[in-house]
Amino acid sequence: MELGSAEHKQKLLHGILRVALKTATAGFLLGIVLILPSLLRENTFSIGLAYAGYAVIGVSLIWSLSIAWKKYQRIIKPFDATFKRDH
């Protein structure tokens, strides 16, 4: 694989997406764990945990999109400018 090739760019994008997906998945799993008690027994505490679970899921999705966007702007955006001047 040559530096600056299409394959190189594809692998960089794949890496960025993998990090974002792992972050979103971790938040989703933690949120589901917090929501589960409200499905088993409904009381004030479990409903509070469910709200916290929904918040964790939402924040992790926003955080993973933010990470992916920042990495894209920092790595992929200047990619073409850096490697196209050699040709």
PDB file of N, CA and C in Angstrom:
ATOM      1  N   MET A   1       0.847  -1.165   0.000  1.00  0.00           N
ATOM      2  CA  MET A   1       0.000   0.000   0.000  1.00  0.00           C
ATOM      3  C   MET A   1       0.901   1.238   0.000  1.00  0.00           C
ATOM      4  N   GLU A   2       0.670   2.086  -0.955  1.00  0.00           N
ATOM      5  CA  GLU A   2       1.457   3.305  -1.089  1.00  0.00           C
ATOM      6  C   GLU A   2       0.807   4.425  -0.282  1.00  0.00           C
ATOM      7  N   LEU A   3       1.649   5.223   0.341  1.00  0.00           N
ATOM      8  CA  LEU A   3       1.170   6.365   1.110  1.00  0.00           C
ATOM      9  C   LEU A   3       0.479   7.352   0.167  1.00  0.00           C
ATOM     10  N   GLY A   4      -0.748   7.696   0.479  1.00  0.00           N
ATOM     11  CA  GLY A   4      -1.490   8.625  -0.367  1.00  0.00           C
ATOM     12  C   GLY A   4      -2.380   7.955  -1.391  1.00  0.00           C
ATOM     13  N   SER A   5      -2.369   6.643  -1.449  1.00  0.00           N
ATOM     14  CA  SER A   5      -3.185   5.934  -2.428  1.00  0.00           C
ATOM     15  C   SER A   5      -4.646   5.886  -1.970  1.00  0.00           C
ATOM     16  N   ALA A   6      -5.506   5.444  -2.863  1.00  0.00           N
ATOM     17  CA  ALA A   6      -6.924   5.320  -2.531  1.00  0.00           C
ATOM     18  C   ALA A   6      -7.129   4.284  -1.426  1.00  0.00           C
ATOM     19  N   GLU A   7      -6.326   3.230  -1.462  1.00  0.00           N
ATOM     20  CA  GLU A   7      -6.417   2.199  -0.423  1.00  0.00           C
ATOM     21  C   GLU A   7      -6.032   2.765   0.940  1.00  0.00           C
ATOM     22  N   HIS A   8      -5.009   3.621   0.962  1.00  0.00           N
ATOM     23  CA  HIS A   8      -4.572   4.267   2.196  1.00  0.00           C
ATOM     24  C   HIS A   8      -5.689   5.140   2.757  1.00  0.00           C
ATOM     25  N   LYS A   9      -6.322   5.914   1.895  1.00  0.00           N
ATOM     26  CA  LYS A   9      -7.415   6.781   2.324  1.00  0.00           C
ATOM     27  C   LYS A   9      -8.587   5.941   2.839  1.00  0.00           C
ATOM     28  N   GLN A  10      -8.867   4.836   2.178  1.00  0.00           N
ATOM     29  CA  GLN A  10      -9.958   3.962   2.593  1.00  0.00           C
ATOM     30  C   GLN A  10      -9.681   3.358   3.969  1.00  0.00           C
ATOM     31  N   LYS A  11      -8.446   2.956   4.213  1.00  0.00           N
ATOM     32  CA  LYS A  11      -8.094   2.389   5.515  1.00  0.00           C
ATOM     33  C   LYS A  11      -8.190   3.443   6.620  1.00  0.00           C
ATOM     34  N   LEU A  12      -7.815   4.682   6.321  1.00  0.00           N
ATOM     35  CA  LEU A  12      -7.964   5.752   7.301  1.00  0.00           C
ATOM     36  C   LEU A  12      -9.435   5.986   7.636  1.00  0.00           C
ATOM     37  N   LEU A  13     -10.278   6.023   6.624  1.00  0.00           N
ATOM     38  CA  LEU A  13     -11.718   6.194   6.852  1.00  0.00           C
ATOM     39  C   LEU A  13     -12.288   5.030   7.655  1.00  0.00           C
ATOM     40  N   HIS A  14     -11.861   3.829   7.334  1.00  0.00           N
ATOM     41  CA  HIS A  14     -12.327   2.640   8.044  1.00  0.00           C
ATOM     42  C   HIS A  14     -11.934   2.725   9.521  1.00  0.00           C
ATOM     43  N   GLY A  15     -10.738   3.178   9.798  1.00  0.00           N
ATOM     44  CA  GLY A  15     -10.284   3.331  11.184  1.00  0.00           C
ATOM     45  C   GLY A  15     -11.098   4.354  11.953  1.00  0.00           C
ATOM     46  N   ILE A  16     -11.406   5.475  11.308  1.00  0.00           N
ATOM     47  CA  ILE A  16     -12.217   6.517  11.943  1.00  0.00           C
ATOM     48  C   ILE A  16     -13.613   5.988  12.247  1.00  0.00           C
ATOM     49  N   LEU A  17     -14.215   5.297  11.301  1.00  0.00           N
ATOM     50  CA  LEU A  17     -15.554   4.754  11.503  1.00  0.00           C
ATOM     51  C   LEU A  17     -15.571   3.666  12.583  1.00  0.00           C
ATOM     52  N   ARG A  18     -14.513   2.887  12.651  1.00  0.00           N
ATOM     53  CA  ARG A  18     -14.435   1.825  13.656  1.00  0.00           C
ATOM     54  C   ARG A  18     -14.395   2.421  15.069  1.00  0.00           C
ATOM     55  N   VAL A  19     -13.613   3.489  15.255  1.00  0.00           N
ATOM     56  CA  VAL A  19     -13.537   4.144  16.565  1.00  0.00           C
ATOM     57  C   VAL A  19     -14.899   4.734  16.944  1.00  0.00           C
ATOM     58  N   ALA A  20     -15.560   5.378  15.992  1.00  0.00           N
ATOM     59  CA  ALA A  20     -16.872   5.968  16.263  1.00  0.00           C
ATOM     60  C   ALA A  20     -17.896   4.883  16.596  1.00  0.00           C
ATOM     61  N   LEU A  21     -17.855   3.772  15.888  1.00  0.00           N
ATOM     62  CA  LEU A  21     -18.797   2.687  16.136  1.00  0.00           C
ATOM     63  C   LEU A  21     -18.562   2.043  17.502  1.00  0.00           C
ATOM     64  N   LYS A  22     -17.314   1.869  17.884  1.00  0.00           N
ATOM     65  CA  LYS A  22     -17.010   1.300  19.197  1.00  0.00           C
ATOM     66  C   LYS A  22     -17.498   2.215  20.311  1.00  0.00           C
ATOM     67  N   THR A  23     -17.317   3.520  20.150  1.00  0.00           N
ATOM     68  CA  THR A  23     -17.771   4.476  21.155  1.00  0.00           C
ATOM     69  C   THR A  23     -19.288   4.451  21.286  1.00  0.00           C
ATOM     70  N   ALA A  24     -19.987   4.458  20.152  1.00  0.00           N
ATOM     71  CA  ALA A  24     -21.444   4.429  20.169  1.00  0.00           C
ATOM     72  C   ALA A  24     -21.957   3.114  20.758  1.00  0.00           C
ATOM     73  N   THR A  25     -21.310   2.008  20.439  1.00  0.00           N
ATOM     74  CA  THR A  25     -21.730   0.698  20.955  1.00  0.00           C
ATOM     75  C   THR A  25     -21.549   0.617  22.468  1.00  0.00           C
ATOM     76  N   ALA A  26     -20.439   1.129  22.970  1.00  0.00           N
ATOM     77  CA  ALA A  26     -20.200   1.109  24.415  1.00  0.00           C
ATOM     78  C   ALA A  26     -21.275   1.927  25.139  1.00  0.00           C
ATOM     79  N   GLY A  27     -21.610   3.087  24.625  1.00  0.00           N
ATOM     80  CA  GLY A  27     -22.655   3.904  25.233  1.00  0.00           C
ATOM     81  C   GLY A  27     -24.020   3.252  25.144  1.00  0.00           C
ATOM     82  N   PHE A  28     -24.296   2.601  24.021  1.00  0.00           N
ATOM     83  CA  PHE A  28     -25.577   1.922  23.841  1.00  0.00           C
ATOM     84  C   PHE A  28     -25.724   0.780  24.843  1.00  0.00           C
ATOM     85  N   LEU A  29     -24.673  -0.015  25.004  1.00  0.00           N
ATOM     86  CA  LEU A  29     -24.729  -1.139  25.939  1.00  0.00           C
ATOM     87  C   LEU A  29     -24.892  -0.659  27.384  1.00  0.00           C
ATOM     88  N   LEU A  30     -24.159   0.373  27.760  1.00  0.00           N
ATOM     89  CA  LEU A  30     -24.289   0.920  29.101  1.00  0.00           C
ATOM     90  C   LEU A  30     -25.687   1.487  29.319  1.00  0.00           C
ATOM     91  N   GLY A  31     -26.223   2.158  28.317  1.00  0.00           N
ATOM     92  CA  GLY A  31     -27.575   2.694  28.419  1.00  0.00           C
ATOM     93  C   GLY A  31     -28.611   1.601  28.580  1.00  0.00           C
ATOM     94  N   ILE A  32     -28.472   0.522  27.835  1.00  0.00           N
ATOM     95  CA  ILE A  32     -29.407  -0.601  27.944  1.00  0.00           C
ATOM     96  C   ILE A  32     -29.344  -1.218  29.337  1.00  0.00           C
ATOM     97  N   VAL A  33     -28.148  -1.347  29.880  1.00  0.00           N
ATOM     98  CA  VAL A  33     -28.000  -1.897  31.237  1.00  0.00           C
ATOM     99  C   VAL A  33     -28.716  -1.002  32.248  1.00  0.00           C
ATOM    100  N   LEU A  34     -28.664   0.306  32.051  1.00  0.00           N
ATOM    101  CA  LEU A  34     -29.352   1.219  32.962  1.00  0.00           C
ATOM    102  C   LEU A  34     -30.870   1.202  32.769  1.00  0.00           C
ATOM    103  N   ILE A  35     -31.326   0.876  31.580  1.00  0.00           N
ATOM    104  CA  ILE A  35     -32.763   0.849  31.295  1.00  0.00           C
ATOM    105  C   ILE A  35     -33.412  -0.449  31.781  1.00  0.00           C
ATOM    106  N   LEU A  36     -32.676  -1.538  31.820  1.00  0.00           N
ATOM    107  CA  LEU A  36     -33.232  -2.857  32.163  1.00  0.00           C
ATOM    108  C   LEU A  36     -34.014  -2.908  33.490  1.00  0.00           C
ATOM    109  N   PRO A  37     -33.549  -2.302  34.572  1.00  0.00           N
ATOM    110  CA  PRO A  37     -34.337  -2.391  35.815  1.00  0.00           C
ATOM    111  C   PRO A  37     -35.759  -1.830  35.686  1.00  0.00           C
ATOM    112  N   SER A  38     -35.948  -0.829  34.856  1.00  0.00           N
ATOM    113  CA  SER A  38     -37.295  -0.270  34.709  1.00  0.00           C
ATOM    114  C   SER A  38     -38.216  -1.224  33.953  1.00  0.00           C
ATOM    115  N   LEU A  39     -37.651  -2.136  33.176  1.00  0.00           N
ATOM    116  CA  LEU A  39     -38.465  -3.125  32.486  1.00  0.00           C
ATOM    117  C   LEU A  39     -38.873  -4.258  33.424  1.00  0.00           C
ATOM    118  N   LEU A  40     -38.033  -4.540  34.417  1.00  0.00           N
ATOM    119  CA  LEU A  40     -38.309  -5.620  35.350  1.00  0.00           C
ATOM    120  C   LEU A  40     -39.240  -5.180  36.487  1.00  0.00           C
ATOM    121  N   ARG A  41     -38.976  -4.027  37.041  1.00  0.00           N
ATOM    122  CA  ARG A  41     -39.782  -3.525  38.157  1.00  0.00           C
ATOM    123  C   ARG A  41     -39.851  -2.010  38.042  1.00  0.00           C
ATOM    124  N   GLU A  42     -41.051  -1.497  38.001  1.00  0.00           N
ATOM    125  CA  GLU A  42     -41.219  -0.067  37.770  1.00  0.00           C
ATOM    126  C   GLU A  42     -41.425   0.655  39.097  1.00  0.00           C
ATOM    127  N   ASN A  43     -40.410   1.418  39.470  1.00  0.00           N
ATOM    128  CA  ASN A  43     -40.518   2.309  40.626  1.00  0.00           C
ATOM    129  C   ASN A  43     -39.722   3.576  40.316  1.00  0.00           C
ATOM    130  N   THR A  44     -39.715   4.500  41.241  1.00  0.00           N
ATOM    131  CA  THR A  44     -39.084   5.798  40.986  1.00  0.00           C
ATOM    132  C   THR A  44     -37.596   5.653  40.680  1.00  0.00           C
ATOM    133  N   PHE A  45     -36.913   4.814  41.424  1.00  0.00           N
ATOM    134  CA  PHE A  45     -35.478   4.638  41.215  1.00  0.00           C
ATOM    135  C   PHE A  45     -35.178   4.051  39.837  1.00  0.00           C
ATOM    136  N   SER A  46     -35.913   3.009  39.454  1.00  0.00           N
ATOM    137  CA  SER A  46     -35.648   2.376  38.155  1.00  0.00           C
ATOM    138  C   SER A  46     -36.023   3.306  37.002  1.00  0.00           C
ATOM    139  N   ILE A  47     -37.038   4.125  37.182  1.00  0.00           N
ATOM    140  CA  ILE A  47     -37.390   5.092  36.142  1.00  0.00           C
ATOM    141  C   ILE A  47     -36.289   6.141  36.015  1.00  0.00           C
ATOM    142  N   GLY A  48     -35.716   6.546  37.152  1.00  0.00           N
ATOM    143  CA  GLY A  48     -34.579   7.471  37.115  1.00  0.00           C
ATOM    144  C   GLY A  48     -33.385   6.870  36.394  1.00  0.00           C
ATOM    145  N   LEU A  49     -33.129   5.596  36.666  1.00  0.00           N
ATOM    146  CA  LEU A  49     -32.049   4.903  35.955  1.00  0.00           C
ATOM    147  C   LEU A  49     -32.338   4.830  34.458  1.00  0.00           C
ATOM    148  N   ALA A  50     -33.596   4.620  34.095  1.00  0.00           N
ATOM    149  CA  ALA A  50     -33.963   4.550  32.674  1.00  0.00           C
ATOM    150  C   ALA A  50     -33.690   5.885  31.994  1.00  0.00           C
ATOM    151  N   TYR A  51     -34.053   6.984  32.652  1.00  0.00           N
ATOM    152  CA  TYR A  51     -33.758   8.305  32.083  1.00  0.00           C
ATOM    153  C   TYR A  51     -32.258   8.512  31.923  1.00  0.00           C
ATOM    154  N   ALA A  52     -31.503   8.059  32.923  1.00  0.00           N
ATOM    155  CA  ALA A  52     -30.048   8.150  32.823  1.00  0.00           C
ATOM    156  C   ALA A  52     -29.536   7.295  31.663  1.00  0.00           C
ATOM    157  N   GLY A  53     -30.133   6.131  31.462  1.00  0.00           N
ATOM    158  CA  GLY A  53     -29.743   5.263  30.350  1.00  0.00           C
ATOM    159  C   GLY A  53     -30.007   5.921  29.005  1.00  0.00           C
ATOM    160  N   TYR A  54     -31.189   6.549  28.874  1.00  0.00           N
ATOM    161  CA  TYR A  54     -31.490   7.264  27.631  1.00  0.00           C
ATOM    162  C   TYR A  54     -30.504   8.407  27.401  1.00  0.00           C
ATOM    163  N   ALA A  55     -30.144   9.095  28.479  1.00  0.00           N
ATOM    164  CA  ALA A  55     -29.179  10.190  28.360  1.00  0.00           C
ATOM    165  C   ALA A  55     -27.811   9.676  27.935  1.00  0.00           C
ATOM    166  N   VAL A  56     -27.396   8.542  28.514  1.00  0.00           N
ATOM    167  CA  VAL A  56     -26.095   7.957  28.152  1.00  0.00           C
ATOM    168  C   VAL A  56     -26.080   7.565  26.683  1.00  0.00           C
ATOM    169  N   ILE A  57     -27.160   6.979  26.203  1.00  0.00           N
ATOM    170  CA  ILE A  57     -27.231   6.585  24.789  1.00  0.00           C
ATOM    171  C   ILE A  57     -27.144   7.819  23.897  1.00  0.00           C
ATOM    172  N   GLY A  58     -27.910   8.846  24.224  1.00  0.00           N
ATOM    173  CA  GLY A  58     -27.895  10.068  23.412  1.00  0.00           C
ATOM    174  C   GLY A  58     -26.540  10.754  23.407  1.00  0.00           C
ATOM    175  N   VAL A  59     -25.947  10.885  24.583  1.00  0.00           N
ATOM    176  CA  VAL A  59     -24.650  11.548  24.685  1.00  0.00           C
ATOM    177  C   VAL A  59     -23.565  10.738  23.974  1.00  0.00           C
ATOM    178  N   SER A  60     -23.615   9.418  24.070  1.00  0.00           N
ATOM    179  CA  SER A  60     -22.586   8.612  23.399  1.00  0.00           C
ATOM    180  C   SER A  60     -22.713   8.712  21.880  1.00  0.00           C
ATOM    181  N   LEU A  61     -23.942   8.797  21.363  1.00  0.00           N
ATOM    182  CA  LEU A  61     -24.112   8.980  19.924  1.00  0.00           C
ATOM    183  C   LEU A  61     -23.556  10.327  19.474  1.00  0.00           C
ATOM    184  N   ILE A  62     -23.879  11.369  20.219  1.00  0.00           N
ATOM    185  CA  ILE A  62     -23.359  12.704  19.889  1.00  0.00           C
ATOM    186  C   ILE A  62     -21.838  12.724  20.001  1.00  0.00           C
ATOM    187  N   TRP A  63     -21.301  12.101  21.057  1.00  0.00           N
ATOM    188  CA  TRP A  63     -19.854  12.065  21.262  1.00  0.00           C
ATOM    189  C   TRP A  63     -19.149  11.304  20.134  1.00  0.00           C
ATOM    190  N   SER A  64     -19.708  10.165  19.717  1.00  0.00           N
ATOM    191  CA  SER A  64     -19.063   9.384  18.655  1.00  0.00           C
ATOM    192  C   SER A  64     -19.112  10.127  17.319  1.00  0.00           C
ATOM    193  N   LEU A  65     -20.218  10.808  17.041  1.00  0.00           N
ATOM    194  CA  LEU A  65     -20.276  11.624  15.820  1.00  0.00           C
ATOM    195  C   LEU A  65     -19.274  12.768  15.879  1.00  0.00           C
ATOM    196  N   SER A  66     -19.132  13.351  17.054  1.00  0.00           N
ATOM    197  CA  SER A  66     -18.165  14.440  17.232  1.00  0.00           C
ATOM    198  C   SER A  66     -16.732  13.952  17.015  1.00  0.00           C
ATOM    199  N   ILE A  67     -16.407  12.795  17.568  1.00  0.00           N
ATOM    200  CA  ILE A  67     -15.069  12.231  17.391  1.00  0.00           C
ATOM    201  C   ILE A  67     -14.801  11.956  15.908  1.00  0.00           C
ATOM    202  N   ALA A  68     -15.776  11.335  15.250  1.00  0.00           N
ATOM    203  CA  ALA A  68     -15.600  11.011  13.831  1.00  0.00           C
ATOM    204  C   ALA A  68     -15.431  12.283  13.006  1.00  0.00           C
ATOM    205  N   TRP A  69     -16.234  13.297  13.278  1.00  0.00           N
ATOM    206  CA  TRP A  69     -16.149  14.544  12.519  1.00  0.00           C
ATOM    207  C   TRP A  69     -14.794  15.230  12.740  1.00  0.00           C
ATOM    208  N   LYS A  70     -14.328  15.296  13.986  1.00  0.00           N
ATOM    209  CA  LYS A  70     -13.036  15.937  14.275  1.00  0.00           C
ATOM    210  C   LYS A  70     -11.887  15.192  13.598  1.00  0.00           C
ATOM    211  N   LYS A  71     -11.919  13.862  13.660  1.00  0.00           N
ATOM    212  CA  LYS A  71     -10.861  13.082  13.010  1.00  0.00           C
ATOM    213  C   LYS A  71     -10.908  13.245  11.493  1.00  0.00           C
ATOM    214  N   TYR A  72     -12.108  13.298  10.941  1.00  0.00           N
ATOM    215  CA  TYR A  72     -12.249  13.506   9.503  1.00  0.00           C
ATOM    216  C   TYR A  72     -11.660  14.857   9.111  1.00  0.00           C
ATOM    217  N   GLN A  73     -12.002  15.888   9.848  1.00  0.00           N
ATOM    218  CA  GLN A  73     -11.495  17.231   9.541  1.00  0.00           C
ATOM    219  C   GLN A  73      -9.974  17.307   9.668  1.00  0.00           C
ATOM    220  N   ARG A  74      -9.426  16.599  10.662  1.00  0.00           N
ATOM    221  CA  ARG A  74      -7.987  16.674  10.910  1.00  0.00           C
ATOM    222  C   ARG A  74      -7.174  15.762   9.998  1.00  0.00           C
ATOM    223  N   ILE A  75      -7.720  14.608   9.608  1.00  0.00           N
ATOM    224  CA  ILE A  75      -6.930  13.625   8.868  1.00  0.00           C
ATOM    225  C   ILE A  75      -7.308  13.570   7.396  1.00  0.00           C
ATOM    226  N   ILE A  76      -8.576  13.419   7.088  1.00  0.00           N
ATOM    227  CA  ILE A  76      -8.998  13.173   5.714  1.00  0.00           C
ATOM    228  C   ILE A  76      -9.086  14.451   4.905  1.00  0.00           C
ATOM    229  N   LYS A  77      -9.542  15.525   5.499  1.00  0.00           N
ATOM    230  CA  LYS A  77      -9.709  16.780   4.766  1.00  0.00           C
ATOM    231  C   LYS A  77      -8.389  17.244   4.120  1.00  0.00           C
ATOM    232  N   PRO A  78      -7.285  17.311   4.857  1.00  0.00           N
ATOM    233  CA  PRO A  78      -6.026  17.731   4.227  1.00  0.00           C
ATOM    234  C   PRO A  78      -5.342  16.618   3.432  1.00  0.00           C
ATOM    235  N   PHE A  79      -5.923  15.422   3.421  1.00  0.00           N
ATOM    236  CA  PHE A  79      -5.318  14.271   2.757  1.00  0.00           C
ATOM    237  C   PHE A  79      -5.075  14.554   1.276  1.00  0.00           C
ATOM    238  N   ASP A  80      -6.113  15.005   0.568  1.00  0.00           N
ATOM    239  CA  ASP A  80      -5.972  15.260  -0.868  1.00  0.00           C
ATOM    240  C   ASP A  80      -4.991  16.384  -1.154  1.00  0.00           C
ATOM    241  N   ALA A  81      -5.035  17.421  -0.362  1.00  0.00           N
ATOM    242  CA  ALA A  81      -4.117  18.546  -0.553  1.00  0.00           C
ATOM    243  C   ALA A  81      -2.656  18.124  -0.351  1.00  0.00           C
ATOM    244  N   THR A  82      -2.436  17.251   0.608  1.00  0.00           N
ATOM    245  CA  THR A  82      -1.068  16.811   0.900  1.00  0.00           C
ATOM    246  C   THR A  82      -0.515  15.882  -0.162  1.00  0.00           C
ATOM    247  N   PHE A  83      -1.323  14.924  -0.618  1.00  0.00           N
ATOM    248  CA  PHE A  83      -0.803  13.891  -1.506  1.00  0.00           C
ATOM    249  C   PHE A  83      -1.052  14.165  -2.977  1.00  0.00           C
ATOM    250  N   LYS A  84      -1.830  15.159  -3.341  1.00  0.00           N
ATOM    251  CA  LYS A  84      -2.083  15.448  -4.754  1.00  0.00           C
ATOM    252  C   LYS A  84      -1.011  16.357  -5.363  1.00  0.00           C
ATOM    253  N   ARG A  85      -0.221  17.023  -4.531  1.00  0.00           N
ATOM    254  CA  ARG A  85       0.796  17.904  -5.132  1.00  0.00           C
ATOM    255  C   ARG A  85       1.960  17.136  -5.729  1.00  0.00           C
ATOM    256  N   ASP A  86       2.158  15.883  -5.327  1.00  0.00           N
ATOM    257  CA  ASP A  86       3.259  15.100  -5.870  1.00  0.00           C
ATOM    258  C   ASP A  86       2.993  14.670  -7.315  1.00  0.00           C
ATOM    259  N   HIS A  87       1.738  14.610  -7.744  1.00  0.00           N
ATOM    260  CA  HIS A  87       1.406  14.091  -9.073  1.00  0.00           C
ATOM    261  C   HIS A  87       1.369  15.149 -10.120  1.00  0.00           C
TER     262      HIS A  87
END
